[in-house]
Amino acid sequence: GGETGVDCGGSDGVNACGACVGTMCTVST
């Protein structure tokens, strides 16, 4: 989907799945 990590983050800056901890990211949010 739009996740930037496994089941977290979001490529659109919206964390529909919650914020990531120690995983890949593209933006601070």
mmCIF file of all heavy atoms, coordinates in Angstrom:
data_MODEL
# 
_entry.id   MODEL 
# 
loop_
_atom_site.group_PDB 
_atom_site.id 
_atom_site.type_symbol 
_atom_site.label_atom_id 
_atom_site.label_alt_id 
_atom_site.label_comp_id 
_atom_site.label_asym_id 
_atom_site.label_entity_id 
_atom_site.label_seq_id 
_atom_site.pdbx_PDB_ins_code 
_atom_site.Cartn_x 
_atom_site.Cartn_y 
_atom_site.Cartn_z 
_atom_site.occupancy 
_atom_site.B_iso_or_equiv 
_atom_site.pdbx_formal_charge 
_atom_site.auth_seq_id 
_atom_site.auth_comp_id 
_atom_site.auth_asym_id 
_atom_site.auth_atom_id 
_atom_site.pdbx_PDB_model_num 
ATOM 1   N N   . GLY A 1 1  ? 0.856  -1.182 0.000  1.00 0.00 ? 1  GLY A N   1 
ATOM 2   C CA  . GLY A 1 1  ? 0.000  0.000  0.000  1.00 0.00 ? 1  GLY A CA  1 
ATOM 3   C C   . GLY A 1 1  ? 0.886  1.224  0.000  1.00 0.00 ? 1  GLY A C   1 
ATOM 4   O O   . GLY A 1 1  ? 1.882  1.277  -0.711 1.00 0.00 ? 1  GLY A O   1 
ATOM 5   N N   . GLY A 1 2  ? 0.596  2.205  0.791  1.00 0.00 ? 2  GLY A N   1 
ATOM 6   C CA  . GLY A 1 2  ? 1.418  3.406  0.892  1.00 0.00 ? 2  GLY A CA  1 
ATOM 7   C C   . GLY A 1 2  ? 2.394  3.391  2.044  1.00 0.00 ? 2  GLY A C   1 
ATOM 8   O O   . GLY A 1 2  ? 2.983  4.414  2.375  1.00 0.00 ? 2  GLY A O   1 
ATOM 9   N N   . GLU A 1 3  ? 2.561  2.229  2.700  1.00 0.00 ? 3  GLU A N   1 
ATOM 10  C CA  . GLU A 1 3  ? 3.437  2.129  3.866  1.00 0.00 ? 3  GLU A CA  1 
ATOM 11  C C   . GLU A 1 3  ? 4.904  2.368  3.487  1.00 0.00 ? 3  GLU A C   1 
ATOM 12  O O   . GLU A 1 3  ? 5.337  1.990  2.414  1.00 0.00 ? 3  GLU A O   1 
ATOM 13  C CB  . GLU A 1 3  ? 3.309  0.740  4.499  1.00 0.00 ? 3  GLU A CB  1 
ATOM 14  C CG  . GLU A 1 3  ? 1.914  0.403  4.959  1.00 0.00 ? 3  GLU A CG  1 
ATOM 15  C CD  . GLU A 1 3  ? 1.726  -1.078 5.282  1.00 0.00 ? 3  GLU A CD  1 
ATOM 16  O OE1 . GLU A 1 3  ? 2.664  -1.877 5.100  1.00 0.00 ? 3  GLU A OE1 1 
ATOM 17  O OE2 . GLU A 1 3  ? 0.622  -1.421 5.699  1.00 0.00 ? 3  GLU A OE2 1 
ATOM 18  N N   . THR A 1 4  ? 5.654  3.003  4.407  1.00 0.00 ? 4  THR A N   1 
ATOM 19  C CA  . THR A 1 4  ? 7.085  3.183  4.199  1.00 0.00 ? 4  THR A CA  1 
ATOM 20  C C   . THR A 1 4  ? 7.896  2.176  5.007  1.00 0.00 ? 4  THR A C   1 
ATOM 21  O O   . THR A 1 4  ? 9.094  2.033  4.809  1.00 0.00 ? 4  THR A O   1 
ATOM 22  C CB  . THR A 1 4  ? 7.530  4.601  4.563  1.00 0.00 ? 4  THR A CB  1 
ATOM 23  O OG1 . THR A 1 4  ? 7.097  4.896  5.878  1.00 0.00 ? 4  THR A OG1 1 
ATOM 24  C CG2 . THR A 1 4  ? 6.935  5.605  3.594  1.00 0.00 ? 4  THR A CG2 1 
ATOM 25  N N   . GLY A 1 5  ? 7.265  1.494  5.934  1.00 0.00 ? 5  GLY A N   1 
ATOM 26  C CA  . GLY A 1 5  ? 7.853  0.406  6.700  1.00 0.00 ? 5  GLY A CA  1 
ATOM 27  C C   . GLY A 1 5  ? 6.811  -0.688 6.785  1.00 0.00 ? 5  GLY A C   1 
ATOM 28  O O   . GLY A 1 5  ? 5.688  -0.518 6.320  1.00 0.00 ? 5  GLY A O   1 
ATOM 29  N N   . VAL A 1 6  ? 7.181  -1.815 7.370  1.00 0.00 ? 6  VAL A N   1 
ATOM 30  C CA  . VAL A 1 6  ? 6.222  -2.913 7.496  1.00 0.00 ? 6  VAL A CA  1 
ATOM 31  C C   . VAL A 1 6  ? 5.103  -2.487 8.441  1.00 0.00 ? 6  VAL A C   1 
ATOM 32  O O   . VAL A 1 6  ? 5.332  -2.228 9.615  1.00 0.00 ? 6  VAL A O   1 
ATOM 33  C CB  . VAL A 1 6  ? 6.908  -4.197 8.017  1.00 0.00 ? 6  VAL A CB  1 
ATOM 34  C CG1 . VAL A 1 6  ? 5.879  -5.294 8.277  1.00 0.00 ? 6  VAL A CG1 1 
ATOM 35  C CG2 . VAL A 1 6  ? 7.957  -4.670 7.024  1.00 0.00 ? 6  VAL A CG2 1 
ATOM 36  N N   . ASP A 1 7  ? 3.909  -2.356 7.885  1.00 0.00 ? 7  ASP A N   1 
ATOM 37  C CA  . ASP A 1 7  ? 2.693  -2.004 8.623  1.00 0.00 ? 7  ASP A CA  1 
ATOM 38  C C   . ASP A 1 7  ? 2.796  -0.678 9.385  1.00 0.00 ? 7  ASP A C   1 
ATOM 39  O O   . ASP A 1 7  ? 2.199  -0.513 10.446 1.00 0.00 ? 7  ASP A O   1 
ATOM 40  C CB  . ASP A 1 7  ? 2.280  -3.140 9.570  1.00 0.00 ? 7  ASP A CB  1 
ATOM 41  C CG  . ASP A 1 7  ? 1.889  -4.397 8.811  1.00 0.00 ? 7  ASP A CG  1 
ATOM 42  O OD1 . ASP A 1 7  ? 1.522  -4.292 7.628  1.00 0.00 ? 7  ASP A OD1 1 
ATOM 43  O OD2 . ASP A 1 7  ? 1.950  -5.488 9.404  1.00 0.00 ? 7  ASP A OD2 1 
ATOM 44  N N   . CYS A 1 8  ? 3.557  0.290  8.834  1.00 0.00 ? 8  CYS A N   1 
ATOM 45  C CA  . CYS A 1 8  ? 3.643  1.610  9.459  1.00 0.00 ? 8  CYS A CA  1 
ATOM 46  C C   . CYS A 1 8  ? 4.038  2.658  8.430  1.00 0.00 ? 8  CYS A C   1 
ATOM 47  O O   . CYS A 1 8  ? 4.482  2.339  7.331  1.00 0.00 ? 8  CYS A O   1 
ATOM 48  C CB  . CYS A 1 8  ? 4.636  1.612  10.613 1.00 0.00 ? 8  CYS A CB  1 
ATOM 49  S SG  . CYS A 1 8  ? 6.362  1.376  10.121 1.00 0.00 ? 8  CYS A SG  1 
ATOM 50  N N   . GLY A 1 9  ? 3.892  3.913  8.833  1.00 0.00 ? 9  GLY A N   1 
ATOM 51  C CA  . GLY A 1 9  ? 4.270  5.024  7.972  1.00 0.00 ? 9  GLY A CA  1 
ATOM 52  C C   . GLY A 1 9  ? 3.332  5.191  6.809  1.00 0.00 ? 9  GLY A C   1 
ATOM 53  O O   . GLY A 1 9  ? 2.342  4.482  6.667  1.00 0.00 ? 9  GLY A O   1 
ATOM 54  N N   . GLY A 1 10 ? 3.653  6.132  5.971  1.00 0.00 ? 10 GLY A N   1 
ATOM 55  C CA  . GLY A 1 10 ? 2.835  6.363  4.800  1.00 0.00 ? 10 GLY A CA  1 
ATOM 56  C C   . GLY A 1 10 ? 3.512  7.279  3.817  1.00 0.00 ? 10 GLY A C   1 
ATOM 57  O O   . GLY A 1 10 ? 4.021  8.327  4.204  1.00 0.00 ? 10 GLY A O   1 
ATOM 58  N N   . SER A 1 11 ? 3.554  6.875  2.564  1.00 0.00 ? 11 SER A N   1 
ATOM 59  C CA  . SER A 1 11 ? 4.239  7.667  1.551  1.00 0.00 ? 11 SER A CA  1 
ATOM 60  C C   . SER A 1 11 ? 3.584  9.016  1.326  1.00 0.00 ? 11 SER A C   1 
ATOM 61  O O   . SER A 1 11 ? 4.193  9.932  0.792  1.00 0.00 ? 11 SER A O   1 
ATOM 62  C CB  . SER A 1 11 ? 4.298  6.900  0.231  1.00 0.00 ? 11 SER A CB  1 
ATOM 63  O OG  . SER A 1 11 ? 3.003  6.577  -0.212 1.00 0.00 ? 11 SER A OG  1 
ATOM 64  N N   . ASP A 1 12 ? 2.343  9.157  1.768  1.00 0.00 ? 12 ASP A N   1 
ATOM 65  C CA  . ASP A 1 12 ? 1.644  10.429 1.603  1.00 0.00 ? 12 ASP A CA  1 
ATOM 66  C C   . ASP A 1 12 ? 1.760  11.301 2.855  1.00 0.00 ? 12 ASP A C   1 
ATOM 67  O O   . ASP A 1 12 ? 1.130  12.339 2.942  1.00 0.00 ? 12 ASP A O   1 
ATOM 68  C CB  . ASP A 1 12 ? 0.169  10.186 1.283  1.00 0.00 ? 12 ASP A CB  1 
ATOM 69  C CG  . ASP A 1 12 ? -0.549 9.378  2.349  1.00 0.00 ? 12 ASP A CG  1 
ATOM 70  O OD1 . ASP A 1 12 ? 0.070  9.028  3.377  1.00 0.00 ? 12 ASP A OD1 1 
ATOM 71  O OD2 . ASP A 1 12 ? -1.739 9.079  2.156  1.00 0.00 ? 12 ASP A OD2 1 
ATOM 72  N N   . GLY A 1 13 ? 2.602  10.886 3.821  1.00 0.00 ? 13 GLY A N   1 
ATOM 73  C CA  . GLY A 1 13 ? 2.777  11.652 5.048  1.00 0.00 ? 13 GLY A CA  1 
ATOM 74  C C   . GLY A 1 13 ? 1.700  11.404 6.074  1.00 0.00 ? 13 GLY A C   1 
ATOM 75  O O   . GLY A 1 13 ? 1.735  11.946 7.166  1.00 0.00 ? 13 GLY A O   1 
ATOM 76  N N   . VAL A 1 14 ? 0.741  10.560 5.752  1.00 0.00 ? 14 VAL A N   1 
ATOM 77  C CA  . VAL A 1 14 ? -0.329 10.216 6.684  1.00 0.00 ? 14 VAL A CA  1 
ATOM 78  C C   . VAL A 1 14 ? -0.072 8.800  7.195  1.00 0.00 ? 14 VAL A C   1 
ATOM 79  O O   . VAL A 1 14 ? 0.124  7.885  6.422  1.00 0.00 ? 14 VAL A O   1 
ATOM 80  C CB  . VAL A 1 14 ? -1.708 10.280 5.989  1.00 0.00 ? 14 VAL A CB  1 
ATOM 81  C CG1 . VAL A 1 14 ? -2.811 9.838  6.932  1.00 0.00 ? 14 VAL A CG1 1 
ATOM 82  C CG2 . VAL A 1 14 ? -1.957 11.683 5.460  1.00 0.00 ? 14 VAL A CG2 1 
ATOM 83  N N   . ASN A 1 15 ? -0.050 8.650  8.505  1.00 0.00 ? 15 ASN A N   1 
ATOM 84  C CA  . ASN A 1 15 ? 0.251  7.353  9.105  1.00 0.00 ? 15 ASN A CA  1 
ATOM 85  C C   . ASN A 1 15 ? -1.020 6.559  9.349  1.00 0.00 ? 15 ASN A C   1 
ATOM 86  O O   . ASN A 1 15 ? -1.416 6.339  10.478 1.00 0.00 ? 15 ASN A O   1 
ATOM 87  C CB  . ASN A 1 15 ? 1.017  7.528  10.417 1.00 0.00 ? 15 ASN A CB  1 
ATOM 88  C CG  . ASN A 1 15 ? 2.375  8.154  10.204 1.00 0.00 ? 15 ASN A CG  1 
ATOM 89  O OD1 . ASN A 1 15 ? 3.056  7.842  9.229  1.00 0.00 ? 15 ASN A OD1 1 
ATOM 90  N ND2 . ASN A 1 15 ? 2.766  9.048  11.081 1.00 0.00 ? 15 ASN A ND2 1 
ATOM 91  N N   . ALA A 1 16 ? -1.635 6.092  8.296  1.00 0.00 ? 16 ALA A N   1 
ATOM 92  C CA  . ALA A 1 16 ? -2.858 5.308  8.427  1.00 0.00 ? 16 ALA A CA  1 
ATOM 93  C C   . ALA A 1 16 ? -2.618 4.063  9.273  1.00 0.00 ? 16 ALA A C   1 
ATOM 94  O O   . ALA A 1 16 ? -3.511 3.582  9.948  1.00 0.00 ? 16 ALA A O   1 
ATOM 95  C CB  . ALA A 1 16 ? -3.390 4.925  7.056  1.00 0.00 ? 16 ALA A CB  1 
ATOM 96  N N   . CYS A 1 17 ? -1.391 3.550  9.230  1.00 0.00 ? 17 CYS A N   1 
ATOM 97  C CA  . CYS A 1 17 ? -1.059 2.350  9.995  1.00 0.00 ? 17 CYS A CA  1 
ATOM 98  C C   . CYS A 1 17 ? -0.259 2.664  11.252 1.00 0.00 ? 17 CYS A C   1 
ATOM 99  O O   . CYS A 1 17 ? 0.250  1.757  11.911 1.00 0.00 ? 17 CYS A O   1 
ATOM 100 C CB  . CYS A 1 17 ? -0.263 1.377  9.124  1.00 0.00 ? 17 CYS A CB  1 
ATOM 101 S SG  . CYS A 1 17 ? -1.226 0.633  7.795  1.00 0.00 ? 17 CYS A SG  1 
ATOM 102 N N   . GLY A 1 18 ? -0.085 3.901  11.593 1.00 0.00 ? 18 GLY A N   1 
ATOM 103 C CA  . GLY A 1 18 ? 0.675  4.269  12.776 1.00 0.00 ? 18 GLY A CA  1 
ATOM 104 C C   . GLY A 1 18 ? 2.108  4.624  12.415 1.00 0.00 ? 18 GLY A C   1 
ATOM 105 O O   . GLY A 1 18 ? 2.574  4.380  11.303 1.00 0.00 ? 18 GLY A O   1 
ATOM 106 N N   . ALA A 1 19 ? 2.786  5.206  13.348 1.00 0.00 ? 19 ALA A N   1 
ATOM 107 C CA  . ALA A 1 19 ? 4.154  5.668  13.130 1.00 0.00 ? 19 ALA A CA  1 
ATOM 108 C C   . ALA A 1 19 ? 5.157  4.529  13.255 1.00 0.00 ? 19 ALA A C   1 
ATOM 109 O O   . ALA A 1 19 ? 4.945  3.579  14.004 1.00 0.00 ? 19 ALA A O   1 
ATOM 110 C CB  . ALA A 1 19 ? 4.482  6.766  14.132 1.00 0.00 ? 19 ALA A CB  1 
ATOM 111 N N   . CYS A 1 20 ? 6.246  4.641  12.509 1.00 0.00 ? 20 CYS A N   1 
ATOM 112 C CA  . CYS A 1 20 ? 7.302  3.621  12.511 1.00 0.00 ? 20 CYS A CA  1 
ATOM 113 C C   . CYS A 1 20 ? 8.315  3.869  13.634 1.00 0.00 ? 20 CYS A C   1 
ATOM 114 O O   . CYS A 1 20 ? 8.537  5.001  14.045 1.00 0.00 ? 20 CYS A O   1 
ATOM 115 C CB  . CYS A 1 20 ? 8.054  3.648  11.185 1.00 0.00 ? 20 CYS A CB  1 
ATOM 116 S SG  . CYS A 1 20 ? 7.034  3.292  9.729  1.00 0.00 ? 20 CYS A SG  1 
ATOM 117 N N   . VAL A 1 21 ? 8.946  2.806  14.076 1.00 0.00 ? 21 VAL A N   1 
ATOM 118 C CA  . VAL A 1 21 ? 10.022 2.879  15.060 1.00 0.00 ? 21 VAL A CA  1 
ATOM 119 C C   . VAL A 1 21 ? 11.190 2.073  14.519 1.00 0.00 ? 21 VAL A C   1 
ATOM 120 O O   . VAL A 1 21 ? 11.084 0.855  14.369 1.00 0.00 ? 21 VAL A O   1 
ATOM 121 C CB  . VAL A 1 21 ? 9.591  2.320  16.430 1.00 0.00 ? 21 VAL A CB  1 
ATOM 122 C CG1 . VAL A 1 21 ? 10.755 2.328  17.411 1.00 0.00 ? 21 VAL A CG1 1 
ATOM 123 C CG2 . VAL A 1 21 ? 8.391  3.080  16.970 1.00 0.00 ? 21 VAL A CG2 1 
ATOM 124 N N   . GLY A 1 22 ? 12.292 2.751  14.169 1.00 0.00 ? 22 GLY A N   1 
ATOM 125 C CA  . GLY A 1 22 ? 13.502 2.073  13.709 1.00 0.00 ? 22 GLY A CA  1 
ATOM 126 C C   . GLY A 1 22 ? 13.394 1.414  12.349 1.00 0.00 ? 22 GLY A C   1 
ATOM 127 O O   . GLY A 1 22 ? 14.171 0.531  12.019 1.00 0.00 ? 22 GLY A O   1 
ATOM 128 N N   . THR A 1 23 ? 12.431 1.818  11.537 1.00 0.00 ? 23 THR A N   1 
ATOM 129 C CA  . THR A 1 23 ? 12.251 1.218  10.221 1.00 0.00 ? 23 THR A CA  1 
ATOM 130 C C   . THR A 1 23 ? 12.466 2.263  9.134  1.00 0.00 ? 23 THR A C   1 
ATOM 131 O O   . THR A 1 23 ? 12.732 3.427  9.421  1.00 0.00 ? 23 THR A O   1 
ATOM 132 C CB  . THR A 1 23 ? 10.848 0.603  10.067 1.00 0.00 ? 23 THR A CB  1 
ATOM 133 O OG1 . THR A 1 23 ? 9.886  1.644  10.193 1.00 0.00 ? 23 THR A OG1 1 
ATOM 134 C CG2 . THR A 1 23 ? 10.589 -0.474 11.096 1.00 0.00 ? 23 THR A CG2 1 
ATOM 135 N N   . MET A 1 24 ? 12.311 1.865  7.892  1.00 0.00 ? 24 MET A N   1 
ATOM 136 C CA  . MET A 1 24 ? 12.471 2.777  6.769  1.00 0.00 ? 24 MET A CA  1 
ATOM 137 C C   . MET A 1 24 ? 11.439 3.900  6.833  1.00 0.00 ? 24 MET A C   1 
ATOM 138 O O   . MET A 1 24 ? 10.335 3.710  7.329  1.00 0.00 ? 24 MET A O   1 
ATOM 139 C CB  . MET A 1 24 ? 12.326 2.027  5.446  1.00 0.00 ? 24 MET A CB  1 
ATOM 140 C CG  . MET A 1 24 ? 13.387 0.969  5.202  1.00 0.00 ? 24 MET A CG  1 
ATOM 141 S SD  . MET A 1 24 ? 15.078 1.608  5.156  1.00 0.00 ? 24 MET A SD  1 
ATOM 142 C CE  . MET A 1 24 ? 15.038 2.622  3.704  1.00 0.00 ? 24 MET A CE  1 
ATOM 143 N N   . CYS A 1 25 ? 11.839 5.067  6.320  1.00 0.00 ? 25 CYS A N   1 
ATOM 144 C CA  . CYS A 1 25 ? 10.950 6.214  6.288  1.00 0.00 ? 25 CYS A CA  1 
ATOM 145 C C   . CYS A 1 25 ? 11.332 7.092  5.112  1.00 0.00 ? 25 CYS A C   1 
ATOM 146 O O   . CYS A 1 25 ? 12.425 6.980  4.563  1.00 0.00 ? 25 CYS A O   1 
ATOM 147 C CB  . CYS A 1 25 ? 11.048 7.003  7.592  1.00 0.00 ? 25 CYS A CB  1 
ATOM 148 S SG  . CYS A 1 25 ? 12.733 7.525  8.018  1.00 0.00 ? 25 CYS A SG  1 
ATOM 149 N N   . THR A 1 26 ? 10.421 7.960  4.729  1.00 0.00 ? 26 THR A N   1 
ATOM 150 C CA  . THR A 1 26 ? 10.719 8.931  3.674  1.00 0.00 ? 26 THR A CA  1 
ATOM 151 C C   . THR A 1 26 ? 10.543 10.358 4.169  1.00 0.00 ? 26 THR A C   1 
ATOM 152 O O   . THR A 1 26 ? 11.139 11.274 3.617  1.00 0.00 ? 26 THR A O   1 
ATOM 153 C CB  . THR A 1 26 ? 9.840  8.708  2.430  1.00 0.00 ? 26 THR A CB  1 
ATOM 154 O OG1 . THR A 1 26 ? 8.475  8.743  2.816  1.00 0.00 ? 26 THR A OG1 1 
ATOM 155 C CG2 . THR A 1 26 ? 10.166 7.372  1.767  1.00 0.00 ? 26 THR A CG2 1 
ATOM 156 N N   . VAL A 1 27 ? 9.705  10.543 5.175  1.00 0.00 ? 27 VAL A N   1 
ATOM 157 C CA  . VAL A 1 27 ? 9.496  11.858 5.790  1.00 0.00 ? 27 VAL A CA  1 
ATOM 158 C C   . VAL A 1 27 ? 9.414  11.676 7.299  1.00 0.00 ? 27 VAL A C   1 
ATOM 159 O O   . VAL A 1 27 ? 9.124  10.586 7.805  1.00 0.00 ? 27 VAL A O   1 
ATOM 160 C CB  . VAL A 1 27 ? 8.206  12.537 5.275  1.00 0.00 ? 27 VAL A CB  1 
ATOM 161 C CG1 . VAL A 1 27 ? 8.322  12.887 3.785  1.00 0.00 ? 27 VAL A CG1 1 
ATOM 162 C CG2 . VAL A 1 27 ? 6.995  11.681 5.527  1.00 0.00 ? 27 VAL A CG2 1 
ATOM 163 N N   . SER A 1 28 ? 9.671  12.753 8.038  1.00 0.00 ? 28 SER A N   1 
ATOM 164 C CA  . SER A 1 28 ? 9.695  12.672 9.502  1.00 0.00 ? 28 SER A CA  1 
ATOM 165 C C   . SER A 1 28 ? 8.371  12.222 10.102 1.00 0.00 ? 28 SER A C   1 
ATOM 166 O O   . SER A 1 28 ? 8.344  11.553 11.137 1.00 0.00 ? 28 SER A O   1 
ATOM 167 C CB  . SER A 1 28 ? 10.109 14.017 10.102 1.00 0.00 ? 28 SER A CB  1 
ATOM 168 O OG  . SER A 1 28 ? 11.454 14.279 9.777  1.00 0.00 ? 28 SER A OG  1 
ATOM 169 N N   . THR A 1 29 ? 7.254  12.539 9.451  1.00 0.00 ? 29 THR A N   1 
ATOM 170 C CA  . THR A 1 29 ? 5.954  12.143 10.005 1.00 0.00 ? 29 THR A CA  1 
ATOM 171 C C   . THR A 1 29 ? 5.711  10.645 9.898  1.00 0.00 ? 29 THR A C   1 
ATOM 172 O O   . THR A 1 29 ? 4.765  10.138 10.491 1.00 0.00 ? 29 THR A O   1 
ATOM 173 C CB  . THR A 1 29 ? 4.802  12.909 9.318  1.00 0.00 ? 29 THR A CB  1 
ATOM 174 O OG1 . THR A 1 29 ? 4.890  12.742 7.910  1.00 0.00 ? 29 THR A OG1 1 
ATOM 175 C CG2 . THR A 1 29 ? 4.854  14.400 9.672  1.00 0.00 ? 29 THR A CG2 1 
# 
